[in-house]
Amino acid sequence: MAEHIGGNGYLVISVLVFVTVLLLLEAAYLVWRNYKGPEARKIEERLRALSASVDRSAQAQLLKERMLSDVPALERLLLSFPRAHYLDRIILQAGLEWTVSRLLLSCAVVAVFAFAAMALLLHQAPMLAAAAGALLGGLPLLYVQYKRSRRLVRLQQQLPEAIDLVTRALRAGHSFGSGLQMIGEEMAEPIANEFRIVADEVNFGVSLQQALTNLSERIPLTDLRYFVVAVMIQRDSGGNLTEVLSNLSRLIRERLKLLAKVRVLSSEGRLSGWILVVMPFALGGVMSLLNPEFMSVLWTDPIGIAIIKYMLGLMAVGVLIMRKIVRIRV
């Protein structure tokens, strides 16, 4: 009888332990979902994007407090630098979930590794290694700028369709605010998120004029500023907003067509520039594989090292000249 009771007690304890562990796992999952789940991340991204605007009104001030670093000491240090907020806005415009401290730390790590590789592995002079570290340390910044430019191009391509959606909404009898909300609900990212932020700011008590100004500050596109200016002028002086937005959408589309035509006409020059930049390194790599002793003079002999330095400098000047030639602003 005692053995039977003992067996039942062991079974009950096992079931209770299993249920306790299951409940703990469920509680951990709920906590994770509340702070790191998809919905929480979406809300965090929208609040992070709101912090990029310049609205200092009391209604939106609670949404503008954005951390530049997860470490309090670094946060206080970065707040003393006036360019830290500019870097933060560049990161937000790139659509990356980085902080300013992470960006600067990435630059420092890349610079240190480049300096160590040049000084210890390639046995170069400290000044040359420091110069190489400084140049390669800017790679994370270039990556952020690349992501930012890609995102801004995507926003510029989506803008005419967004303006057309607002125009159709106005013709159907909806208000302008409803048209902006439709953009956030029906269009694809990244422009949908930006107009959702405008709708959220208006719901939080920010004026429509200030919300549109914040939108133009977050997205530094000339076409978008034309849209904001047109809406503000119409609200102050009156007029047919539907016709103005329709003409603006057509103008932006024609400008994008002209820009695409210019890129096609300048594609030969850009291809020539890439070939001239890549060819010396490709030929040097092939010759190093076929005849290593012949090419080793370039990085073992002082004259060869000097030739490489002058060659890289002249190549950099040539790249800048070619970029100036093929880059045509429309």
Protein backbone atom coordinates (compact mmCIF):
# COMPACT_ATOMS: atom_id res chain seq x y z
CA MET A 1 0.00 0.00 0.00
CA ALA A 2 2.80 2.40 0.89
CA GLU A 3 4.58 1.57 -2.36
CA HIS A 4 1.34 2.28 -4.26
CA ILE A 5 0.96 5.67 -2.52
CA GLY A 6 4.60 6.45 -3.12
CA GLY A 7 4.22 5.66 -6.82
CA ASN A 8 1.16 7.91 -7.10
CA GLY A 9 2.96 10.72 -5.27
CA TYR A 10 5.90 10.46 -7.65
CA LEU A 11 3.53 10.61 -10.61
CA VAL A 12 1.76 13.68 -9.19
CA ILE A 13 5.07 15.43 -8.53
CA SER A 14 6.24 14.66 -12.06
CA VAL A 15 3.04 16.07 -13.54
CA LEU A 16 3.32 19.20 -11.39
CA VAL A 17 6.94 19.73 -12.40
CA PHE A 18 6.01 19.30 -16.07
CA VAL A 19 3.14 21.78 -15.78
CA THR A 20 5.38 24.27 -13.92
CA VAL A 21 8.08 24.10 -16.58
CA LEU A 22 5.49 24.44 -19.31
CA LEU A 23 3.99 27.51 -17.64
CA LEU A 24 7.44 29.05 -17.18
CA LEU A 25 8.22 28.53 -20.87
CA GLU A 26 4.86 30.04 -21.79
CA ALA A 27 5.53 33.05 -19.54
CA ALA A 28 8.99 33.52 -21.06
CA TYR A 29 7.51 33.38 -24.55
CA LEU A 30 4.84 35.95 -23.68
CA VAL A 31 7.46 38.29 -22.21
CA TRP A 32 9.62 37.90 -25.31
CA ARG A 33 6.66 38.53 -27.60
CA ASN A 34 5.68 41.67 -25.71
CA TYR A 35 9.18 43.18 -25.96
CA LYS A 36 10.81 41.52 -29.00
CA GLY A 37 7.94 40.05 -31.00
CA PRO A 38 6.84 41.18 -34.48
CA GLU A 39 4.23 43.61 -33.19
CA ALA A 40 6.62 45.08 -30.62
CA ARG A 41 9.33 45.46 -33.25
CA LYS A 42 6.88 47.17 -35.60
CA ILE A 43 5.87 49.65 -32.90
CA GLU A 44 9.51 50.23 -31.99
CA GLU A 45 10.44 50.93 -35.61
CA ARG A 46 7.61 53.45 -35.94
CA LEU A 47 8.64 55.19 -32.73
CA ARG A 48 12.28 55.17 -33.84
CA ALA A 49 11.30 56.75 -37.12
CA LEU A 50 9.25 59.38 -35.33
CA SER A 51 12.37 60.41 -33.45
CA ALA A 52 14.00 61.49 -36.72
CA SER A 53 11.67 64.45 -37.14
CA VAL A 54 12.36 67.92 -35.81
CA ASP A 55 9.01 68.52 -34.14
CA ARG A 56 9.61 69.98 -30.65
CA SER A 57 5.98 70.40 -29.68
CA ALA A 58 4.74 69.11 -26.36
CA GLN A 59 2.39 66.61 -28.04
CA ALA A 60 5.18 64.73 -29.76
CA GLN A 61 8.05 65.29 -27.37
CA LEU A 62 7.46 61.98 -25.57
CA LEU A 63 8.01 60.11 -28.84
CA LYS A 64 11.28 61.81 -29.72
CA GLU A 65 13.48 60.42 -26.96
CA ARG A 66 15.73 58.03 -28.86
CA MET A 67 18.76 56.32 -27.39
CA LEU A 68 22.03 56.87 -29.20
CA SER A 69 23.60 53.99 -27.28
CA ASP A 70 22.54 51.19 -24.98
CA VAL A 71 25.37 52.09 -22.58
CA PRO A 72 24.54 55.11 -20.36
CA ALA A 73 28.14 56.39 -20.34
CA LEU A 74 28.32 56.31 -24.15
CA GLU A 75 24.88 57.90 -24.32
CA ARG A 76 26.04 60.88 -22.27
CA LEU A 77 29.24 61.14 -24.34
CA LEU A 78 27.40 61.04 -27.67
CA LEU A 79 24.89 63.65 -26.54
CA SER A 80 27.76 66.10 -26.22
CA PHE A 81 28.61 65.74 -29.92
CA PRO A 82 26.39 67.81 -32.24
CA ARG A 83 26.87 65.43 -35.20
CA ALA A 84 25.58 62.39 -33.30
CA HIS A 85 21.94 63.21 -34.06
CA TYR A 86 22.84 63.71 -37.72
CA LEU A 87 24.33 60.19 -37.81
CA ASP A 88 21.21 58.90 -36.07
CA ARG A 89 19.01 60.44 -38.75
CA ILE A 90 21.18 58.93 -41.51
CA ILE A 91 20.76 55.49 -39.91
CA LEU A 92 17.00 55.93 -39.73
CA GLN A 93 16.84 57.08 -43.34
CA ALA A 94 18.76 53.93 -44.28
CA GLY A 95 16.14 51.78 -42.56
CA LEU A 96 18.71 50.03 -40.34
CA GLU A 97 18.13 49.02 -36.73
CA TRP A 98 21.49 50.34 -35.60
CA THR A 99 22.47 52.85 -32.97
CA VAL A 100 25.09 55.56 -33.34
CA SER A 101 27.38 53.78 -30.89
CA ARG A 102 27.16 50.56 -32.91
CA LEU A 103 28.05 52.41 -36.09
CA LEU A 104 31.02 54.17 -34.52
CA LEU A 105 32.18 50.94 -32.85
CA SER A 106 32.03 49.14 -36.22
CA CYS A 107 34.17 51.87 -37.77
CA ALA A 108 36.70 51.62 -34.94
CA VAL A 109 36.91 47.80 -35.15
CA VAL A 110 37.43 47.84 -38.92
CA ALA A 111 40.08 50.57 -38.59
CA VAL A 112 41.98 48.63 -35.90
CA PHE A 113 41.95 45.40 -37.91
CA ALA A 114 43.10 47.24 -41.04
CA PHE A 115 45.94 48.92 -39.12
CA ALA A 116 47.03 45.59 -37.59
CA ALA A 117 46.94 43.86 -40.98
CA MET A 118 49.03 46.55 -42.64
CA ALA A 119 51.52 46.92 -39.81
CA LEU A 120 51.93 43.30 -38.63
CA LEU A 121 51.13 41.16 -41.66
CA LEU A 122 52.30 43.36 -44.53
CA HIS A 123 55.07 45.09 -42.49
CA GLN A 124 54.21 48.58 -43.70
CA ALA A 125 55.20 51.86 -42.11
CA PRO A 126 53.05 53.04 -39.19
CA MET A 127 51.93 56.15 -41.08
CA LEU A 128 50.81 54.12 -44.09
CA ALA A 129 49.07 51.59 -41.85
CA ALA A 130 47.29 54.39 -40.00
CA ALA A 131 46.17 55.92 -43.30
CA ALA A 132 44.86 52.54 -44.49
CA GLY A 133 43.06 52.04 -41.17
CA ALA A 134 41.45 55.46 -41.43
CA LEU A 135 40.27 54.79 -44.99
CA LEU A 136 38.92 51.30 -44.33
CA GLY A 137 37.35 52.47 -41.07
CA GLY A 138 34.86 54.42 -43.15
CA LEU A 139 33.43 51.25 -44.74
CA PRO A 140 30.51 50.99 -42.27
CA LEU A 141 29.64 54.61 -43.03
CA LEU A 142 29.72 53.85 -46.75
CA TYR A 143 27.44 50.85 -46.17
CA VAL A 144 24.94 53.02 -44.30
CA GLN A 145 25.08 55.62 -47.07
CA TYR A 146 24.53 52.89 -49.66
CA LYS A 147 21.47 51.54 -47.84
CA ARG A 148 20.17 55.09 -47.41
CA SER A 149 20.54 55.92 -51.10
CA ARG A 150 18.81 52.67 -52.11
CA ARG A 151 15.91 53.37 -49.77
CA LEU A 152 15.56 56.97 -50.97
CA VAL A 153 15.51 55.81 -54.59
CA ARG A 154 12.76 53.34 -53.73
CA LEU A 155 10.80 56.08 -51.98
CA GLN A 156 11.19 58.37 -54.99
CA GLN A 157 9.87 55.65 -57.29
CA GLN A 158 6.85 55.04 -55.05
CA LEU A 159 5.99 58.72 -54.58
CA PRO A 160 4.01 59.28 -57.84
CA GLU A 161 1.81 56.28 -57.10
CA ALA A 162 1.25 57.54 -53.56
CA ILE A 163 0.23 60.99 -54.84
CA ASP A 164 -2.14 59.35 -57.33
CA LEU A 165 -3.70 57.38 -54.49
CA VAL A 166 -4.33 60.59 -52.54
CA THR A 167 -5.76 62.21 -55.68
CA ARG A 168 -8.19 59.33 -56.25
CA ALA A 169 -9.20 59.44 -52.60
CA LEU A 170 -9.97 63.18 -52.83
CA ARG A 171 -12.00 62.67 -55.99
CA ALA A 172 -13.97 59.91 -54.26
CA GLY A 173 -14.93 62.33 -51.48
CA HIS A 174 -12.45 61.31 -48.77
CA SER A 175 -10.50 63.83 -46.73
CA PHE A 176 -6.81 64.49 -47.24
CA GLY A 177 -5.95 62.82 -43.93
CA SER A 178 -7.85 59.70 -45.00
CA GLY A 179 -5.86 59.67 -48.24
CA LEU A 180 -2.59 59.72 -46.29
CA GLN A 181 -3.84 56.87 -44.12
CA MET A 182 -4.73 54.87 -47.24
CA ILE A 183 -1.12 55.16 -48.40
CA GLY A 184 0.05 53.61 -45.12
CA GLU A 185 -2.48 50.79 -45.40
CA GLU A 186 -2.44 49.89 -49.09
CA MET A 187 1.02 50.65 -50.44
CA ALA A 188 4.25 48.70 -50.01
CA GLU A 189 7.22 49.57 -47.84
CA PRO A 190 9.09 51.81 -47.28
CA ILE A 191 6.69 54.62 -48.19
CA ALA A 192 3.79 53.00 -46.34
CA ASN A 193 5.66 53.18 -43.04
CA GLU A 194 6.51 56.87 -43.53
CA PHE A 195 2.89 57.85 -44.17
CA ARG A 196 1.72 55.69 -41.27
CA ILE A 197 3.99 57.82 -39.11
CA VAL A 198 2.30 60.96 -40.46
CA ALA A 199 -1.12 59.52 -39.56
CA ASP A 200 0.13 58.54 -36.09
CA GLU A 201 1.51 62.01 -35.44
CA VAL A 202 -1.81 63.58 -36.40
CA ASN A 203 -3.61 61.14 -34.09
CA PHE A 204 -1.20 62.06 -31.28
CA GLY A 205 -2.23 65.71 -31.58
CA VAL A 206 0.40 67.09 -33.96
CA SER A 207 -0.94 69.46 -36.62
CA LEU A 208 -1.07 68.20 -40.18
CA GLN A 209 1.29 70.97 -41.28
CA GLN A 210 3.88 69.95 -38.68
CA ALA A 211 3.45 66.25 -39.50
CA LEU A 212 4.11 66.91 -43.19
CA THR A 213 7.11 69.07 -42.28
CA ASN A 214 8.47 66.18 -40.21
CA LEU A 215 7.92 63.88 -43.20
CA SER A 216 9.99 66.16 -45.44
CA GLU A 217 12.73 66.23 -42.77
CA ARG A 218 12.82 62.44 -42.48
CA ILE A 219 12.88 61.95 -46.27
CA PRO A 220 15.21 64.49 -47.93
CA LEU A 221 13.68 64.24 -51.42
CA THR A 222 13.00 67.31 -53.53
CA ASP A 223 9.88 65.77 -55.07
CA LEU A 224 8.42 65.05 -51.64
CA ARG A 225 9.09 68.62 -50.54
CA TYR A 226 7.20 69.84 -53.61
CA PHE A 227 4.28 67.69 -52.44
CA VAL A 228 4.43 69.12 -48.92
CA VAL A 229 4.73 72.71 -50.16
CA ALA A 230 1.81 72.24 -52.56
CA VAL A 231 -0.42 70.92 -49.77
CA MET A 232 0.55 73.71 -47.37
CA ILE A 233 -0.05 76.44 -49.96
CA GLN A 234 -3.44 74.95 -50.83
CA ARG A 235 -4.46 74.84 -47.17
CA ASP A 236 -3.50 78.51 -46.71
CA SER A 237 -4.74 80.03 -49.95
CA GLY A 238 -7.25 77.48 -51.24
CA GLY A 239 -7.52 76.01 -54.71
CA ASN A 240 -8.07 72.70 -56.45
CA LEU A 241 -5.76 70.34 -54.58
CA THR A 242 -6.76 67.40 -56.77
CA GLU A 243 -5.56 69.14 -59.93
CA VAL A 244 -2.35 70.33 -58.27
CA LEU A 245 -1.47 66.83 -57.04
CA SER A 246 -2.32 65.30 -60.41
CA ASN A 247 0.01 67.72 -62.20
CA LEU A 248 2.73 67.12 -59.60
CA SER A 249 2.47 63.35 -60.05
CA ARG A 250 2.77 63.71 -63.82
CA LEU A 251 5.77 66.03 -63.42
CA ILE A 252 7.56 63.59 -61.11
CA ARG A 253 6.96 60.71 -63.53
CA GLU A 254 8.37 62.73 -66.44
CA ARG A 255 11.39 63.63 -64.34
CA LEU A 256 12.01 59.97 -63.47
CA LYS A 257 11.75 59.04 -67.16
CA LEU A 258 14.30 61.70 -68.03
CA LEU A 259 16.58 60.48 -65.25
CA ALA A 260 16.35 56.90 -66.56
CA LYS A 261 17.17 58.11 -70.08
CA VAL A 262 20.22 59.98 -68.78
CA ARG A 263 21.41 56.86 -66.95
CA VAL A 264 21.09 54.84 -70.15
CA LEU A 265 23.06 57.40 -72.15
CA SER A 266 25.78 57.60 -69.50
CA SER A 267 25.99 53.82 -68.97
CA GLU A 268 28.93 53.49 -71.40
CA GLY A 269 30.98 56.01 -69.43
CA ARG A 270 30.15 54.32 -66.13
CA LEU A 271 31.07 50.91 -67.54
CA SER A 272 34.36 52.30 -68.82
CA GLY A 273 35.08 53.73 -65.39
CA TRP A 274 34.47 50.37 -63.69
CA ILE A 275 36.67 48.58 -66.22
CA LEU A 276 39.51 51.05 -65.76
CA VAL A 277 39.30 50.66 -61.98
CA VAL A 278 39.03 46.86 -61.86
CA MET A 279 41.44 45.99 -64.68
CA PRO A 280 44.75 46.85 -62.89
CA PHE A 281 43.81 44.77 -59.85
CA ALA A 282 42.55 41.87 -61.98
CA LEU A 283 45.71 41.84 -64.13
CA GLY A 284 47.87 42.13 -61.02
CA GLY A 285 46.12 39.13 -59.45
CA VAL A 286 46.47 37.01 -62.59
CA MET A 287 50.15 37.89 -62.96
CA SER A 288 50.74 37.11 -59.28
CA LEU A 289 49.32 33.63 -59.82
CA LEU A 290 51.29 33.00 -63.02
CA ASN A 291 54.60 34.58 -62.00
CA PRO A 292 54.75 35.41 -58.25
CA GLU A 293 58.46 36.29 -58.29
CA PHE A 294 57.96 38.90 -60.99
CA MET A 295 55.13 40.63 -59.12
CA SER A 296 56.66 40.32 -55.65
CA VAL A 297 59.02 43.20 -56.48
CA LEU A 298 56.10 45.62 -56.19
CA TRP A 299 55.66 45.01 -52.44
CA THR A 300 59.19 43.95 -51.46
CA ASP A 301 61.31 46.58 -53.21
CA PRO A 302 61.07 50.23 -52.03
CA ILE A 303 60.74 51.45 -55.62
CA GLY A 304 57.87 49.01 -56.21
CA ILE A 305 56.10 50.20 -53.05
CA ALA A 306 56.47 53.80 -54.20
CA ILE A 307 55.02 52.86 -57.61
CA ILE A 308 51.98 51.28 -55.94
CA LYS A 309 51.42 54.36 -53.78
CA TYR A 310 51.53 56.75 -56.73
CA MET A 311 49.40 54.40 -58.82
CA LEU A 312 46.67 54.23 -56.17
CA GLY A 313 46.72 58.01 -55.79
CA LEU A 314 46.39 58.58 -59.54
CA MET A 315 43.63 55.96 -59.73
CA ALA A 316 41.71 57.76 -56.99
CA VAL A 317 41.98 61.04 -58.92
CA GLY A 318 40.84 59.28 -62.09
CA VAL A 319 37.84 57.77 -60.33
CA LEU A 320 36.77 61.18 -59.08
CA ILE A 321 37.11 62.68 -62.56
CA MET A 322 35.13 59.85 -64.20
CA ARG A 323 32.44 60.13 -61.54
CA LYS A 324 32.17 63.86 -62.17
CA ILE A 325 31.78 63.24 -65.91
CA VAL A 326 29.09 60.52 -65.77
CA ARG A 327 27.08 61.91 -62.86
CA ILE A 328 24.46 64.18 -64.44
CA ARG A 329 21.90 65.78 -62.17
CA VAL A 330 18.31 66.00 -63.39
